[in-house]
Amino acid sequence: MFPGPEILSVSEVTRQIKDCLEGNFPAVAVRGEISGCSFAGSGHVYLTLKDDDAQLRGVIWRSRASRLKFDLHDGLEVVALGGIDVYPARGSYQLVIEEVIPHGVGPLELAFRQLHDRLAAEGLFAAERKRALPRFPRRIALVTSPQSAAVRDMVQVITRRWPGANLVIVPVPVQGDGAAERIAAGIGLLGEIPDVDVAIVGRGGGSLEDLWSFNEEVVARAIVASSVPIISAVGHEIDVTIADLVADRRALTPSEAGEIVVLDHRELLDGLDHLRRRLVVLLRERAAAARSRLDSLSTRRVFARPVERIHQLGERLDDVESRLQTAIRRRCESSRARWETLSTALDALSPLNVLRRGYSLTTRSDTGEIVREAGDVEAGETVITRVSRGRFTSRVASTEEET
């Protein structure tokens, strides 16, 4: 054996490297671009941070990954904070990431942008999806913290504008861990509360972190799925949350939400009074127009001398009756004259007139045929002879034809 360094096992070398790396890099901040990002079924996230010249493997354990506000993806440049860890079984090292900060933009801002783009692509911000608010709501639900100044402002504004308003408060925390899930659950309860047909969801002002519960996807989905229209009233005028964008109506403040959800009863009464006065004016105008028309009609001759028209019609009826009787009489006379003419002509043609002049008509007794010539009968045959007055029967003694 030649003199040299101490011979160590692989495990011993790895242990010394592990002690060295972990001891010298307990906490580092590394900037790089995410590559090869994968999400294990266990909830852990595995990724690689790289720049132009090198790369470093990293892991985010499930407990930390579940707290991320934004989505990790390849190509995203971040600053990762954590410590170096050596994995002896593979002889490799990695960065155990405790916190991830997007480079150049805050994590909450990035999370907002990512959720905004995803929901916008689904059409959840589209105006045509939004529902109209009821003009006269039966019951209004306030999904907010019952101890907040915002709920006091909303109740005060609503009851001042509409004293008979029926309000129900659905108590939820509006910030902190688990607040988003509680808000979503409160929105989901609206369909189970009798007569609720509109709701206000919101809170007063605060920092971006204070308002963050209203930027969570679970709240946005609950608003979209709500059985009643939702007014979002989160923070102040300059604050815009995801809840504002998916709600059926956005109010700049909780107080404005109270003004939106109900009419001002004084304005309504003023409007009704204006309509009443306008109706009175219109009715008076209609009555005056009707009276003027009636006066105009009353001066017409038909109304001033109504019997005159009856007399005129009576005279016309008498004239028509006279002309009709004259026409009937003339028609009867004409028909009678024609009947007499036809009767005379018919009488002239009657065979009875011939008989009256001394002629007779003889027929065979068996057949009734007229005897025109002597040859039409035979000796011994019976014939009937018709004269002017009556007839007689005779038997033919003999016949003689003349040429």
Protein backbone atom coordinates (compact mmCIF):
# COMPACT_ATOMS: atom_id res chain seq x y z
CA MET A 1 0.00 0.00 0.00
CA PHE A 2 1.23 3.46 -0.83
CA PRO A 3 0.66 6.37 1.52
CA GLY A 4 -2.35 8.56 0.55
CA PRO A 5 -5.79 9.75 1.70
CA GLU A 6 -7.94 7.66 3.91
CA ILE A 7 -10.06 5.15 2.06
CA LEU A 8 -13.76 5.82 2.71
CA SER A 9 -16.91 3.98 1.83
CA VAL A 10 -19.41 5.45 -0.60
CA SER A 11 -21.79 5.99 2.25
CA GLU A 12 -19.14 7.84 4.26
CA VAL A 13 -18.20 10.10 1.37
CA THR A 14 -21.86 10.79 0.68
CA ARG A 15 -22.46 11.56 4.34
CA GLN A 16 -19.57 14.04 4.44
CA ILE A 17 -20.83 15.71 1.24
CA LYS A 18 -24.34 15.85 2.72
CA ASP A 19 -23.02 17.45 5.93
CA CYS A 20 -20.95 19.90 3.90
CA LEU A 21 -23.71 20.96 1.51
CA GLU A 22 -26.50 21.07 4.04
CA GLY A 23 -24.29 22.85 6.54
CA ASN A 24 -23.13 25.50 4.07
CA PHE A 25 -26.45 25.95 2.22
CA PRO A 26 -29.16 25.74 4.90
CA ALA A 27 -31.08 28.60 3.26
CA VAL A 28 -30.55 29.97 -0.21
CA ALA A 29 -32.58 32.00 -2.67
CA VAL A 30 -32.21 30.70 -6.23
CA ARG A 31 -33.54 32.43 -9.32
CA GLY A 32 -34.24 30.34 -12.38
CA GLU A 33 -36.76 29.17 -14.95
CA ILE A 34 -38.99 26.22 -14.07
CA SER A 35 -38.57 23.18 -16.29
CA GLY A 36 -39.90 19.63 -16.08
CA CYS A 37 -42.53 20.56 -13.53
CA SER A 38 -44.58 17.55 -12.41
CA PHE A 39 -47.25 17.01 -9.75
CA ALA A 40 -47.13 13.68 -7.94
CA GLY A 41 -50.22 11.93 -6.65
CA SER A 42 -48.84 12.40 -3.15
CA GLY A 43 -49.20 16.18 -3.58
CA HIS A 44 -45.44 16.82 -3.87
CA VAL A 45 -44.16 18.96 -6.75
CA TYR A 46 -40.93 18.07 -8.56
CA LEU A 47 -39.19 20.54 -10.85
CA THR A 48 -35.88 21.77 -12.20
CA LEU A 49 -34.58 25.31 -11.98
CA LYS A 50 -32.31 26.26 -14.85
CA ASP A 51 -30.47 29.15 -16.44
CA ASP A 52 -28.28 29.32 -19.54
CA ASP A 53 -25.38 27.39 -17.99
CA ALA A 54 -26.71 25.05 -15.30
CA GLN A 55 -29.71 23.43 -13.69
CA LEU A 56 -30.73 22.47 -10.18
CA ARG A 57 -33.34 19.90 -9.21
CA GLY A 58 -35.91 20.97 -6.65
CA VAL A 59 -38.89 19.64 -4.70
CA ILE A 60 -41.81 21.25 -2.92
CA TRP A 61 -43.35 19.02 -0.31
CA ARG A 62 -47.13 18.72 -0.23
CA SER A 63 -47.57 20.84 2.91
CA ARG A 64 -45.91 23.79 1.16
CA ALA A 65 -47.35 23.14 -2.33
CA SER A 66 -50.95 23.30 -1.04
CA ARG A 67 -50.37 26.87 0.14
CA LEU A 68 -49.27 28.26 -3.21
CA LYS A 69 -51.62 30.96 -4.51
CA PHE A 70 -50.57 30.66 -8.13
CA ASP A 71 -50.01 27.81 -10.57
CA LEU A 72 -46.53 26.52 -11.35
CA HIS A 73 -45.73 25.71 -14.96
CA ASP A 74 -42.74 25.27 -17.25
CA GLY A 75 -41.23 28.52 -18.43
CA LEU A 76 -42.20 30.51 -15.33
CA GLU A 77 -39.24 32.42 -13.87
CA VAL A 78 -39.22 32.33 -10.09
CA VAL A 79 -37.12 32.87 -7.02
CA ALA A 80 -37.12 29.71 -4.91
CA LEU A 81 -36.19 29.85 -1.23
CA GLY A 82 -35.07 26.74 0.62
CA GLY A 83 -32.12 24.60 1.62
CA ILE A 84 -29.88 22.11 -0.21
CA ASP A 85 -30.58 18.49 0.59
CA VAL A 86 -28.56 15.40 -0.43
CA TYR A 87 -30.40 12.18 -1.30
CA PRO A 88 -27.87 9.43 -0.46
CA ALA A 89 -29.68 6.60 -2.25
CA ARG A 90 -29.08 8.31 -5.61
CA GLY A 91 -26.04 10.33 -4.67
CA SER A 92 -27.81 13.49 -5.86
CA TYR A 93 -28.64 16.80 -4.33
CA GLN A 94 -31.71 19.01 -4.68
CA LEU A 95 -33.21 22.23 -3.41
CA VAL A 96 -36.00 21.64 -0.88
CA ILE A 97 -38.18 24.66 -1.65
CA GLU A 98 -40.02 26.35 1.22
CA GLU A 99 -41.34 29.35 -0.72
CA VAL A 100 -41.67 30.32 -4.39
CA ILE A 101 -41.90 33.92 -5.55
CA PRO A 102 -42.58 34.78 -9.21
CA HIS A 103 -39.75 36.89 -10.56
CA GLY A 104 -40.82 40.42 -11.53
CA VAL A 105 -44.39 40.10 -10.19
CA GLY A 106 -45.91 39.37 -6.81
CA PRO A 107 -47.33 35.89 -6.15
CA LEU A 108 -50.83 37.18 -5.49
CA GLU A 109 -50.80 39.28 -8.62
CA LEU A 110 -49.66 36.30 -10.64
CA ALA A 111 -52.32 34.10 -9.05
CA PHE A 112 -54.94 36.74 -9.90
CA ARG A 113 -53.81 36.89 -13.53
CA GLN A 114 -53.79 33.13 -13.91
CA LEU A 115 -57.28 32.65 -12.45
CA HIS A 116 -58.58 35.64 -14.40
CA ASP A 117 -57.38 34.22 -17.70
CA ARG A 118 -58.75 30.76 -16.96
CA LEU A 119 -62.23 31.96 -15.95
CA ALA A 120 -62.37 34.47 -18.80
CA ALA A 121 -61.65 31.65 -21.26
CA GLU A 122 -64.69 29.82 -19.82
CA GLY A 123 -66.87 32.87 -20.45
CA LEU A 124 -67.66 33.45 -16.77
CA PHE A 125 -67.12 37.22 -17.09
CA ALA A 126 -69.40 37.57 -20.13
CA ALA A 127 -72.23 40.10 -19.79
CA GLU A 128 -74.77 37.79 -21.41
CA ARG A 129 -74.26 35.28 -18.57
CA LYS A 130 -75.16 37.84 -15.90
CA ARG A 131 -78.69 37.76 -14.43
CA ALA A 132 -80.97 40.74 -13.84
CA LEU A 133 -81.63 41.80 -10.26
CA PRO A 134 -85.22 41.71 -8.92
CA ARG A 135 -86.82 45.17 -8.84
CA PHE A 136 -88.65 44.51 -5.57
CA PRO A 137 -86.75 41.76 -3.70
CA ARG A 138 -88.73 39.75 -1.17
CA ARG A 139 -85.72 38.98 1.04
CA ILE A 140 -82.09 40.08 0.74
CA ALA A 141 -79.23 37.94 2.05
CA LEU A 142 -75.97 39.51 3.20
CA VAL A 143 -73.09 37.02 2.99
CA THR A 144 -70.42 38.72 5.09
CA SER A 145 -68.96 39.02 8.58
CA PRO A 146 -71.70 40.00 11.06
CA GLN A 147 -69.19 42.00 13.12
CA SER A 148 -67.89 44.10 10.21
CA ALA A 149 -68.48 47.78 9.51
CA ALA A 150 -69.53 46.73 6.00
CA VAL A 151 -72.62 44.86 7.23
CA ARG A 152 -73.65 47.83 9.36
CA ASP A 153 -73.30 50.14 6.36
CA MET A 154 -75.35 47.84 4.14
CA VAL A 155 -78.13 47.40 6.70
CA GLN A 156 -78.26 51.14 7.34
CA VAL A 157 -78.44 52.08 3.66
CA ILE A 158 -80.97 49.38 2.74
CA THR A 159 -83.38 50.11 5.62
CA ARG A 160 -83.16 53.86 5.02
CA ARG A 161 -84.01 53.44 1.34
CA TRP A 162 -86.65 50.73 1.88
CA PRO A 163 -87.83 50.64 5.52
CA GLY A 164 -89.74 47.40 5.07
CA ALA A 165 -86.76 45.49 3.65
CA ASN A 166 -86.51 41.85 4.77
CA LEU A 167 -82.85 41.07 5.51
CA VAL A 168 -81.06 37.90 6.53
CA ILE A 169 -77.35 37.73 7.37
CA VAL A 170 -75.35 34.67 6.43
CA PRO A 171 -72.32 34.92 8.76
CA VAL A 172 -68.93 34.02 7.25
CA PRO A 173 -65.32 35.03 7.90
CA VAL A 174 -64.07 37.35 5.17
CA GLN A 175 -60.30 36.86 5.54
CA GLY A 176 -57.79 34.38 6.86
CA ASP A 177 -57.24 30.68 6.39
CA GLY A 178 -60.33 28.81 5.30
CA ALA A 179 -62.35 32.00 4.71
CA ALA A 180 -62.80 31.34 0.99
CA GLU A 181 -64.30 27.91 1.63
CA ARG A 182 -66.65 29.35 4.29
CA ILE A 183 -67.78 32.15 1.94
CA ALA A 184 -68.44 29.62 -0.83
CA ALA A 185 -70.44 27.47 1.59
CA GLY A 186 -72.49 30.51 2.67
CA ILE A 187 -73.32 31.30 -0.95
CA GLY A 188 -74.34 27.69 -1.44
CA LEU A 189 -76.86 28.00 1.42
CA LEU A 190 -78.82 30.81 -0.29
CA GLY A 191 -81.09 28.40 -2.15
CA GLU A 192 -82.16 26.84 1.15
CA ILE A 193 -83.28 30.11 2.77
CA PRO A 194 -86.98 30.80 2.00
CA ASP A 195 -87.86 33.79 -0.20
CA VAL A 196 -84.26 34.97 -0.78
CA ASP A 197 -84.09 36.22 -4.38
CA VAL A 198 -80.91 38.35 -4.29
CA ALA A 199 -77.73 38.43 -2.20
CA ILE A 200 -74.82 40.77 -1.49
CA VAL A 201 -71.43 39.13 -0.97
CA GLY A 202 -68.54 41.24 0.27
CA ARG A 203 -66.62 43.11 2.90
CA GLY A 204 -65.01 46.48 3.56
CA GLY A 205 -61.63 47.68 2.39
CA GLY A 206 -58.22 46.24 3.14
CA SER A 207 -54.94 45.15 1.61
CA LEU A 208 -54.68 42.71 -1.27
CA GLU A 209 -53.95 39.99 1.26
CA ASP A 210 -57.03 40.95 3.31
CA LEU A 211 -59.28 40.77 0.24
CA TRP A 212 -57.69 37.63 -1.15
CA SER A 213 -60.51 35.28 -0.13
CA PHE A 214 -62.64 36.94 -2.84
CA ASN A 215 -59.99 36.08 -5.44
CA GLU A 216 -60.15 32.37 -4.71
CA GLU A 217 -61.54 30.07 -7.37
CA VAL A 218 -63.87 28.33 -4.92
CA VAL A 219 -65.70 31.61 -4.26
CA ALA A 220 -65.89 32.44 -7.96
CA ARG A 221 -67.40 29.02 -8.74
CA ALA A 222 -69.92 29.39 -5.91
CA ILE A 223 -71.09 32.77 -7.23
CA VAL A 224 -71.52 31.35 -10.74
CA ALA A 225 -73.48 28.38 -9.41
CA SER A 226 -75.65 30.45 -7.06
CA SER A 227 -79.41 29.96 -7.33
CA VAL A 228 -79.99 33.71 -6.88
CA PRO A 229 -78.35 36.78 -8.46
CA ILE A 230 -75.26 38.00 -6.62
CA ILE A 231 -74.04 41.57 -6.03
CA SER A 232 -70.33 41.65 -5.20
CA ALA A 233 -69.24 44.48 -2.90
CA VAL A 234 -65.59 43.94 -1.99
CA GLY A 235 -63.35 46.71 -0.69
CA HIS A 236 -63.27 50.19 -2.17
CA GLU A 237 -63.71 51.53 -5.69
CA ILE A 238 -60.11 50.84 -6.70
CA ASP A 239 -60.26 47.21 -5.54
CA VAL A 240 -61.24 44.72 -8.24
CA THR A 241 -61.53 41.06 -7.33
CA ILE A 242 -62.45 37.90 -9.21
CA ALA A 243 -65.73 37.88 -7.27
CA ASP A 244 -66.55 41.31 -8.73
CA LEU A 245 -65.95 40.02 -12.25
CA VAL A 246 -68.10 36.87 -12.03
CA ALA A 247 -70.94 38.43 -9.99
CA ASP A 248 -74.17 39.45 -11.68
CA ARG A 249 -73.55 43.04 -10.54
CA ARG A 250 -70.54 44.78 -9.04
CA ALA A 251 -70.85 47.48 -6.40
CA LEU A 252 -67.91 49.79 -5.80
CA THR A 253 -68.50 49.66 -2.03
CA PRO A 254 -70.82 47.82 0.38
CA SER A 255 -72.83 51.03 0.79
CA GLU A 256 -73.35 51.26 -2.96
CA ALA A 257 -74.53 47.64 -2.94
CA GLY A 258 -77.28 48.74 -0.55
CA GLU A 259 -78.27 51.46 -3.01
CA ILE A 260 -78.31 49.02 -5.91
CA VAL A 261 -80.32 46.23 -4.30
CA VAL A 262 -83.41 48.30 -3.38
CA LEU A 263 -85.18 51.39 -4.69
CA ASP A 264 -85.37 54.53 -2.60
CA HIS A 265 -88.95 54.54 -1.33
CA ARG A 266 -89.02 58.34 -1.42
CA GLU A 267 -88.07 58.37 -5.09
CA LEU A 268 -90.71 55.71 -5.74
CA LEU A 269 -93.37 57.76 -3.94
CA ASP A 270 -92.30 60.87 -5.85
CA GLY A 271 -92.55 58.90 -9.08
CA LEU A 272 -96.01 57.62 -8.19
CA ASP A 273 -97.13 61.14 -7.29
CA HIS A 274 -95.81 62.42 -10.61
CA LEU A 275 -97.71 59.66 -12.42
CA ARG A 276 -100.86 60.52 -10.44
CA ARG A 277 -100.64 64.20 -11.40
CA ARG A 278 -99.91 63.32 -14.99
CA LEU A 279 -102.87 60.93 -15.06
CA VAL A 280 -105.16 63.67 -13.70
CA VAL A 281 -103.99 66.06 -16.42
CA LEU A 282 -104.50 63.44 -19.13
CA LEU A 283 -107.98 62.55 -17.85
CA ARG A 284 -108.96 66.22 -17.79
CA GLU A 285 -107.67 66.67 -21.32
CA ARG A 286 -109.62 63.62 -22.48
CA ALA A 287 -112.77 64.86 -20.75
CA ALA A 288 -112.42 68.31 -22.30
CA ALA A 289 -111.90 66.79 -25.76
CA ALA A 290 -114.95 64.56 -25.29
CA ARG A 291 -117.06 67.51 -24.11
CA SER A 292 -115.95 69.58 -27.10
CA ARG A 293 -116.84 66.79 -29.49
CA LEU A 294 -120.21 66.31 -27.81
CA ASP A 295 -120.94 70.02 -28.15
CA SER A 296 -119.98 69.86 -31.81
CA LEU A 297 -122.26 66.88 -32.41
CA SER A 298 -125.16 68.47 -30.54
CA THR A 299 -125.24 71.37 -33.04
CA ARG A 300 -125.69 69.09 -36.01
CA ARG A 301 -129.12 69.13 -37.66
CA VAL A 302 -129.74 65.43 -36.98
CA PHE A 303 -129.57 66.06 -33.24
CA ALA A 304 -131.16 69.55 -33.29
CA ARG A 305 -134.24 68.39 -35.32
CA PRO A 306 -134.32 64.59 -34.97
CA VAL A 307 -138.06 64.26 -36.06
CA GLU A 308 -137.32 65.93 -39.38
CA ARG A 309 -135.22 63.00 -40.50
CA ILE A 310 -138.02 60.60 -39.54
CA HIS A 311 -140.50 62.62 -41.62
CA GLN A 312 -138.12 62.59 -44.56
CA LEU A 313 -137.79 58.85 -44.35
CA GLY A 314 -141.55 58.47 -44.02
CA GLU A 315 -142.11 60.54 -47.17
CA ARG A 316 -139.54 58.48 -49.00
CA LEU A 317 -141.27 55.29 -47.86
CA ASP A 318 -144.65 56.58 -49.06
CA ASP A 319 -143.16 57.44 -52.44
CA VAL A 320 -141.58 54.03 -52.78
CA GLU A 321 -144.88 52.36 -51.76
CA SER A 322 -146.85 54.39 -54.34
CA ARG A 323 -144.46 53.55 -57.12
CA LEU A 324 -144.43 49.89 -56.11
CA GLN A 325 -148.27 49.68 -56.13
CA THR A 326 -148.42 51.35 -59.56
CA ALA A 327 -145.85 48.92 -60.93
CA ILE A 328 -147.74 45.92 -59.50
CA ARG A 329 -151.04 47.17 -60.93
CA ARG A 330 -149.54 47.71 -64.38
CA ARG A 331 -147.92 44.29 -64.27
CA CYS A 332 -151.26 42.67 -63.37
CA GLU A 333 -153.09 44.49 -66.18
CA SER A 334 -150.44 43.46 -68.69
CA SER A 335 -150.63 39.83 -67.53
CA ARG A 336 -154.44 39.83 -67.71
CA ALA A 337 -154.42 41.21 -71.29
CA ARG A 338 -151.92 38.58 -72.37
CA TRP A 339 -153.98 35.84 -70.74
CA GLU A 340 -157.10 36.95 -72.60
CA THR A 341 -155.22 36.99 -75.94
CA LEU A 342 -153.86 33.50 -75.38
CA SER A 343 -157.27 32.26 -74.24
CA THR A 344 -158.94 33.58 -77.44
CA ALA A 345 -156.28 31.98 -79.63
CA LEU A 346 -156.60 28.69 -77.79
CA ASP A 347 -160.39 28.76 -78.04
CA ALA A 348 -160.17 29.36 -81.78
CA LEU A 349 -158.11 26.22 -82.15
CA SER A 350 -160.35 24.09 -79.93
CA PRO A 351 -162.08 21.14 -81.72
CA LEU A 352 -165.25 21.92 -79.75
CA ASN A 353 -165.80 25.04 -81.85
CA VAL A 354 -165.74 22.91 -84.97
CA LEU A 355 -168.37 20.62 -83.46
CA ARG A 356 -170.56 23.61 -82.69
CA ARG A 357 -170.68 24.39 -86.42
CA GLY A 358 -172.34 21.04 -87.17
CA TYR A 359 -169.37 18.75 -87.51
CA SER A 360 -168.89 15.48 -85.57
CA LEU A 361 -166.00 13.24 -84.48
CA THR A 362 -166.26 9.44 -84.89
CA THR A 363 -163.96 6.95 -83.14
CA ARG A 364 -163.78 3.14 -83.07
CA SER A 365 -165.30 1.83 -79.90
CA ASP A 366 -162.66 -0.81 -79.29
CA THR A 367 -159.49 1.19 -79.90
CA GLY A 368 -160.62 4.77 -79.73
CA GLU A 369 -158.94 5.55 -83.02
CA ILE A 370 -160.46 8.42 -85.05
CA VAL A 371 -162.33 7.27 -88.15
CA ARG A 372 -161.09 9.43 -90.99
CA GLU A 373 -162.10 7.26 -93.98
CA ALA A 374 -164.79 4.74 -94.64
CA GLY A 375 -162.15 2.08 -94.97
CA ASP A 376 -161.13 2.60 -91.33
CA VAL A 377 -164.20 0.55 -90.20
CA GLU A 378 -166.02 -2.53 -91.32
CA ALA A 379 -169.70 -3.39 -91.56
CA GLY A 380 -171.05 -4.52 -88.20
CA GLU A 381 -168.40 -2.62 -86.18
CA THR A 382 -169.50 -0.36 -83.38
CA VAL A 383 -168.41 3.29 -83.48
CA ILE A 384 -168.90 6.29 -81.18
CA THR A 385 -169.81 9.64 -82.63
CA ARG A 386 -169.19 12.95 -80.67
CA VAL A 387 -171.34 15.96 -81.64
CA SER A 388 -171.53 19.53 -80.26
CA ARG A 389 -173.54 18.42 -77.26
CA GLY A 390 -173.01 14.78 -76.32
CA ARG A 391 -172.31 11.56 -78.21
CA PHE A 392 -174.02 8.45 -79.50
CA THR A 393 -173.07 4.88 -80.41
CA SER A 394 -174.01 3.25 -83.76
CA ARG A 395 -173.27 0.08 -85.66
CA VAL A 396 -171.90 0.31 -89.21
CA ALA A 397 -174.37 -1.19 -91.69
CA SER A 398 -172.08 -0.82 -94.67
CA THR A 399 -169.12 1.21 -95.89
CA GLU A 400 -168.49 2.90 -99.19
CA GLU A 401 -165.30 4.58 -100.15
CA GLU A 402 -165.18 7.45 -102.58
CA THR A 403 -162.37 8.01 -104.97
